[in-house]
Amino acid sequence: MNSVAVGLFQILLAIALFPSTFVRVQSAVPFQGCKGDGQVGPLPAPAIPDKTIRLDSNVAQRMTYYKAESGPGVLAPRGWNCVGSLGSAGSTLIVAPSIEKLTGPAIIVRSINGETSGRFDVAQVMARLFPSHRSFVQSVIDEGVLRASDFPSGPYPADRLLRRSDKIVEYETPARSEGLGTFTGLPQNGDPIRGVTILNEQPVGVFLLALRLPPNMNDLSTVIIQEVER
């Protein structure tokens, strides 16, 4: 048996003896429906997920997919609580150990409609992150409801940005700082906020994710962000 054949035999033997070392076993992430409030009253928690998410089994056993009846869903640590809301500006989903207290670990996802009352928030995000859409920002300023100074150009001074494309921007708002994380809805504290902002053009709007996890779960942050981007 030549050296190539010996090497191949050894690899195949190792896979047979230790498959988890070479094969990434995936598992379906469990689903948790979230109750919510809408413009016409309470919304029941959905019983069936809108999609199935599969992750590496070691990660999947720590995660749950949370979603309200209307609006976006999100991956978050298993065992947390959730609530959704739906209004004229768009939808919001909050997932946290305690949804009454967001000063600690929590995740917020917002889908904001730029064709309704949400246009003011959308224009603020565009002014910060998407300068090529300045015409939309100016059209909102021209309404005269808010001042031009309410739509500052350029990123928040403290934020660290990573542009994945012309429509996807990941960010980190440092501890005790104002930025995209606090704009999305998480109050600042002694820990940073990570997240992603995604621009929609048809219909015009933005999707915002802000997350702050406990230190022993920080490795899940990238998984959550990447799933949102997908």
Protein backbone atom coordinates (compact mmCIF):
# COMPACT_ATOMS: atom_id res chain seq x y z
CA MET A 1 0.00 0.00 0.00
CA ASN A 2 1.54 3.35 -1.07
CA SER A 3 1.76 6.42 1.16
CA VAL A 4 -1.32 8.11 -0.39
CA ALA A 5 -3.47 5.05 0.20
CA VAL A 6 -2.17 4.73 3.77
CA GLY A 7 -2.99 8.37 4.45
CA LEU A 8 -6.52 8.01 3.05
CA PHE A 9 -7.09 4.86 5.10
CA GLN A 10 -6.01 6.65 8.27
CA ILE A 11 -8.40 9.57 7.60
CA LEU A 12 -11.34 7.26 6.94
CA LEU A 13 -10.55 5.28 10.09
CA ALA A 14 -10.42 8.48 12.17
CA ILE A 15 -13.80 9.62 10.80
CA ALA A 16 -15.31 6.24 11.63
CA LEU A 17 -13.95 6.29 15.18
CA PHE A 18 -14.51 10.00 15.95
CA PRO A 19 -17.27 11.27 13.61
CA SER A 20 -18.11 14.36 15.69
CA THR A 21 -14.59 15.64 15.12
CA PHE A 22 -15.07 15.73 11.34
CA VAL A 23 -18.84 15.99 10.81
CA ARG A 24 -20.77 19.01 12.08
CA VAL A 25 -24.00 17.51 13.36
CA GLN A 26 -26.90 19.95 13.07
CA SER A 27 -30.11 20.04 15.07
CA ALA A 28 -33.37 21.95 14.69
CA VAL A 29 -33.76 24.88 17.06
CA PRO A 30 -36.97 24.76 19.17
CA PHE A 31 -39.64 27.43 18.63
CA GLN A 32 -41.26 29.72 21.19
CA GLY A 33 -44.28 31.80 20.21
CA CYS A 34 -44.57 35.24 21.81
CA LYS A 35 -47.71 37.05 22.83
CA GLY A 36 -48.06 40.61 21.60
CA ASP A 37 -50.06 43.80 21.41
CA GLY A 38 -51.44 45.19 18.18
CA GLN A 39 -53.34 48.24 17.07
CA VAL A 40 -56.64 46.45 17.65
CA GLY A 41 -55.73 44.65 20.86
CA PRO A 42 -53.76 41.64 22.15
CA LEU A 43 -52.23 39.21 19.69
CA PRO A 44 -51.99 35.49 20.55
CA ALA A 45 -48.67 33.69 20.49
CA PRO A 46 -48.19 31.72 17.25
CA ALA A 47 -48.02 27.96 17.71
CA ILE A 48 -46.17 27.09 14.52
CA PRO A 49 -42.84 28.60 13.41
CA ASP A 50 -42.65 30.36 10.06
CA LYS A 51 -39.39 28.55 9.31
CA THR A 52 -37.09 25.86 10.67
CA ILE A 53 -33.62 26.87 11.80
CA ARG A 54 -30.86 24.29 12.05
CA LEU A 55 -27.58 24.96 13.82
CA ASP A 56 -24.57 23.05 15.02
CA SER A 57 -26.00 20.75 17.71
CA ASN A 58 -23.78 22.21 20.44
CA VAL A 59 -25.19 25.67 19.69
CA ALA A 60 -28.77 24.59 18.99
CA GLN A 61 -29.18 23.10 22.46
CA ARG A 62 -28.56 26.56 23.94
CA MET A 63 -30.88 28.50 21.62
CA THR A 64 -34.57 29.02 20.86
CA TYR A 65 -36.24 30.76 17.94
CA TYR A 66 -38.67 33.38 19.25
CA LYS A 67 -41.39 35.03 17.17
CA ALA A 68 -44.62 36.95 17.69
CA GLU A 69 -47.67 36.72 15.43
CA SER A 70 -46.55 39.73 13.39
CA GLY A 71 -43.04 40.93 12.72
CA PRO A 72 -39.59 39.37 12.71
CA GLY A 73 -38.33 36.43 14.73
CA VAL A 74 -34.93 36.05 16.33
CA LEU A 75 -32.62 33.48 17.86
CA ALA A 76 -31.95 33.98 21.56
CA PRO A 77 -30.78 31.98 24.58
CA ARG A 78 -33.13 29.19 25.61
CA GLY A 79 -35.43 29.86 28.57
CA TRP A 80 -35.85 33.60 28.07
CA ASN A 81 -39.19 35.43 27.87
CA CYS A 82 -40.59 37.38 24.96
CA VAL A 83 -43.25 39.87 23.89
CA GLY A 84 -44.09 41.49 20.58
CA SER A 85 -45.83 44.70 19.54
CA LEU A 86 -47.27 45.95 16.26
CA GLY A 87 -48.07 49.56 15.43
CA SER A 88 -48.28 51.93 12.51
CA ALA A 89 -44.50 52.47 12.56
CA GLY A 90 -43.71 48.75 12.38
CA SER A 91 -43.12 45.85 14.74
CA THR A 92 -40.91 45.15 17.72
CA LEU A 93 -39.91 41.93 19.47
CA ILE A 94 -38.25 41.92 22.89
CA VAL A 95 -36.57 38.79 24.26
CA ALA A 96 -34.95 38.85 27.70
CA PRO A 97 -34.73 36.94 30.98
CA SER A 98 -37.23 39.52 32.23
CA ILE A 99 -39.06 41.63 29.65
CA GLU A 100 -39.90 44.12 32.39
CA LYS A 101 -36.22 44.95 32.87
CA LEU A 102 -33.99 45.61 29.88
CA THR A 103 -31.07 47.15 31.75
CA GLY A 104 -29.27 43.80 31.70
CA PRO A 105 -29.12 41.03 29.04
CA ALA A 106 -31.76 41.47 26.35
CA ILE A 107 -32.41 41.33 22.61
CA ILE A 108 -34.58 43.74 20.63
CA VAL A 109 -35.51 43.43 16.95
CA ARG A 110 -37.41 46.18 15.17
CA SER A 111 -38.81 46.26 11.66
CA ILE A 112 -39.60 49.90 10.85
CA ASN A 113 -41.81 50.93 7.93
CA GLY A 114 -40.57 53.99 6.07
CA GLU A 115 -43.91 54.57 4.38
CA THR A 116 -45.82 55.27 7.60
CA SER A 117 -45.08 57.07 10.87
CA GLY A 118 -41.90 54.98 11.01
CA ARG A 119 -40.37 57.21 8.31
CA PHE A 120 -38.83 59.50 10.95
CA ASP A 121 -36.82 56.65 12.51
CA VAL A 122 -35.96 55.27 9.08
CA ALA A 123 -34.67 58.66 7.97
CA GLN A 124 -32.52 58.96 11.10
CA VAL A 125 -30.94 55.58 10.42
CA MET A 126 -30.37 56.43 6.76
CA ALA A 127 -28.67 59.69 7.71
CA ARG A 128 -26.36 57.77 10.05
CA LEU A 129 -25.52 54.78 7.88
CA PHE A 130 -26.77 55.05 4.30
CA PRO A 131 -25.78 58.43 2.78
CA SER A 132 -26.80 57.34 -0.72
CA HIS A 133 -30.41 57.67 0.49
CA ARG A 134 -30.06 61.30 1.50
CA SER A 135 -32.97 62.23 -0.80
CA PHE A 136 -35.34 60.22 1.41
CA VAL A 137 -33.94 61.91 4.52
CA GLN A 138 -34.43 65.32 2.93
CA SER A 139 -38.02 64.51 1.99
CA VAL A 140 -38.77 63.74 5.64
CA ILE A 141 -37.02 66.93 6.79
CA ASP A 142 -39.05 68.93 4.27
CA GLU A 143 -42.25 67.85 6.02
CA GLY A 144 -41.30 70.24 8.80
CA VAL A 145 -42.36 67.93 11.63
CA LEU A 146 -38.80 67.56 12.98
CA ARG A 147 -35.79 69.83 12.67
CA ALA A 148 -32.96 69.09 10.24
CA SER A 149 -30.68 68.80 13.28
CA ASP A 150 -32.69 65.73 14.35
CA PHE A 151 -31.14 63.86 11.41
CA PRO A 152 -27.36 64.11 11.94
CA SER A 153 -25.16 62.73 9.19
CA GLY A 154 -22.59 60.07 9.88
CA PRO A 155 -22.26 57.31 12.48
CA TYR A 156 -22.61 57.79 16.21
CA PRO A 157 -19.15 58.89 17.41
CA ALA A 158 -18.61 55.91 19.72
CA ASP A 159 -20.01 53.17 17.48
CA ARG A 160 -17.70 50.71 15.75
CA LEU A 161 -19.08 49.68 12.34
CA LEU A 162 -18.48 46.79 9.96
CA ARG A 163 -20.10 47.18 6.55
CA ARG A 164 -21.05 43.81 5.13
CA SER A 165 -22.64 45.35 2.02
CA ASP A 166 -24.28 48.58 0.90
CA LYS A 167 -27.40 47.49 2.81
CA ILE A 168 -26.03 45.59 5.84
CA VAL A 169 -24.02 47.21 8.62
CA GLU A 170 -22.93 45.42 11.79
CA TYR A 171 -22.09 47.56 14.79
CA GLU A 172 -20.99 47.65 18.40
CA THR A 173 -22.09 50.41 20.76
CA PRO A 174 -19.53 50.53 23.61
CA ALA A 175 -20.50 50.41 27.27
CA ARG A 176 -22.10 53.55 28.69
CA SER A 177 -22.39 55.11 25.23
CA GLU A 178 -25.14 56.34 22.96
CA GLY A 179 -25.36 54.62 19.60
CA LEU A 180 -27.35 52.33 17.35
CA GLY A 181 -27.83 49.93 20.26
CA THR A 182 -29.54 52.53 22.42
CA PHE A 183 -31.44 53.91 19.41
CA THR A 184 -32.91 50.44 18.89
CA GLY A 185 -34.15 50.42 22.48
CA LEU A 186 -31.59 48.95 24.88
CA PRO A 187 -30.58 51.32 27.68
CA GLN A 188 -26.85 51.73 28.12
CA ASN A 189 -25.02 50.05 31.00
CA GLY A 190 -21.55 48.70 31.72
CA ASP A 191 -21.58 46.24 28.79
CA PRO A 192 -21.45 46.86 25.03
CA ILE A 193 -24.37 46.29 22.67
CA ARG A 194 -23.87 44.44 19.40
CA GLY A 195 -26.20 44.25 16.46
CA VAL A 196 -26.90 44.78 12.78
CA THR A 197 -28.88 47.26 10.71
CA ILE A 198 -30.36 46.15 7.39
CA LEU A 199 -31.80 48.55 4.82
CA ASN A 200 -34.91 47.58 2.85
CA GLU A 201 -35.71 49.43 -0.36
CA GLN A 202 -38.97 47.81 -1.46
CA PRO A 203 -40.88 48.78 0.61
CA VAL A 204 -38.54 51.32 2.14
CA GLY A 205 -37.65 50.59 5.74
CA VAL A 206 -34.98 49.32 8.10
CA PHE A 207 -34.48 46.24 10.27
CA LEU A 208 -32.64 46.75 13.54
CA LEU A 209 -31.16 44.16 15.89
CA ALA A 210 -29.63 45.04 19.25
CA LEU A 211 -28.35 42.41 21.65
CA ARG A 212 -26.55 42.27 24.96
CA LEU A 213 -25.83 38.79 26.29
CA PRO A 214 -24.41 37.55 29.58
CA PRO A 215 -20.61 37.09 29.47
CA ASN A 216 -20.92 33.28 29.37
CA MET A 217 -23.13 33.55 26.27
CA ASN A 218 -21.17 36.10 24.25
CA ASP A 219 -20.13 33.40 21.80
CA LEU A 220 -23.77 33.24 20.66
CA SER A 221 -23.81 36.87 19.53
CA THR A 222 -22.26 36.18 16.14
CA VAL A 223 -24.62 33.24 15.53
CA ILE A 224 -27.64 35.46 16.22
CA ILE A 225 -26.40 38.27 13.99
CA GLN A 226 -25.53 35.94 11.12
CA GLU A 227 -28.95 34.30 11.25
CA VAL A 228 -30.62 37.71 11.02
CA GLU A 229 -28.46 38.58 8.01
CA ARG A 230 -29.47 35.35 6.30
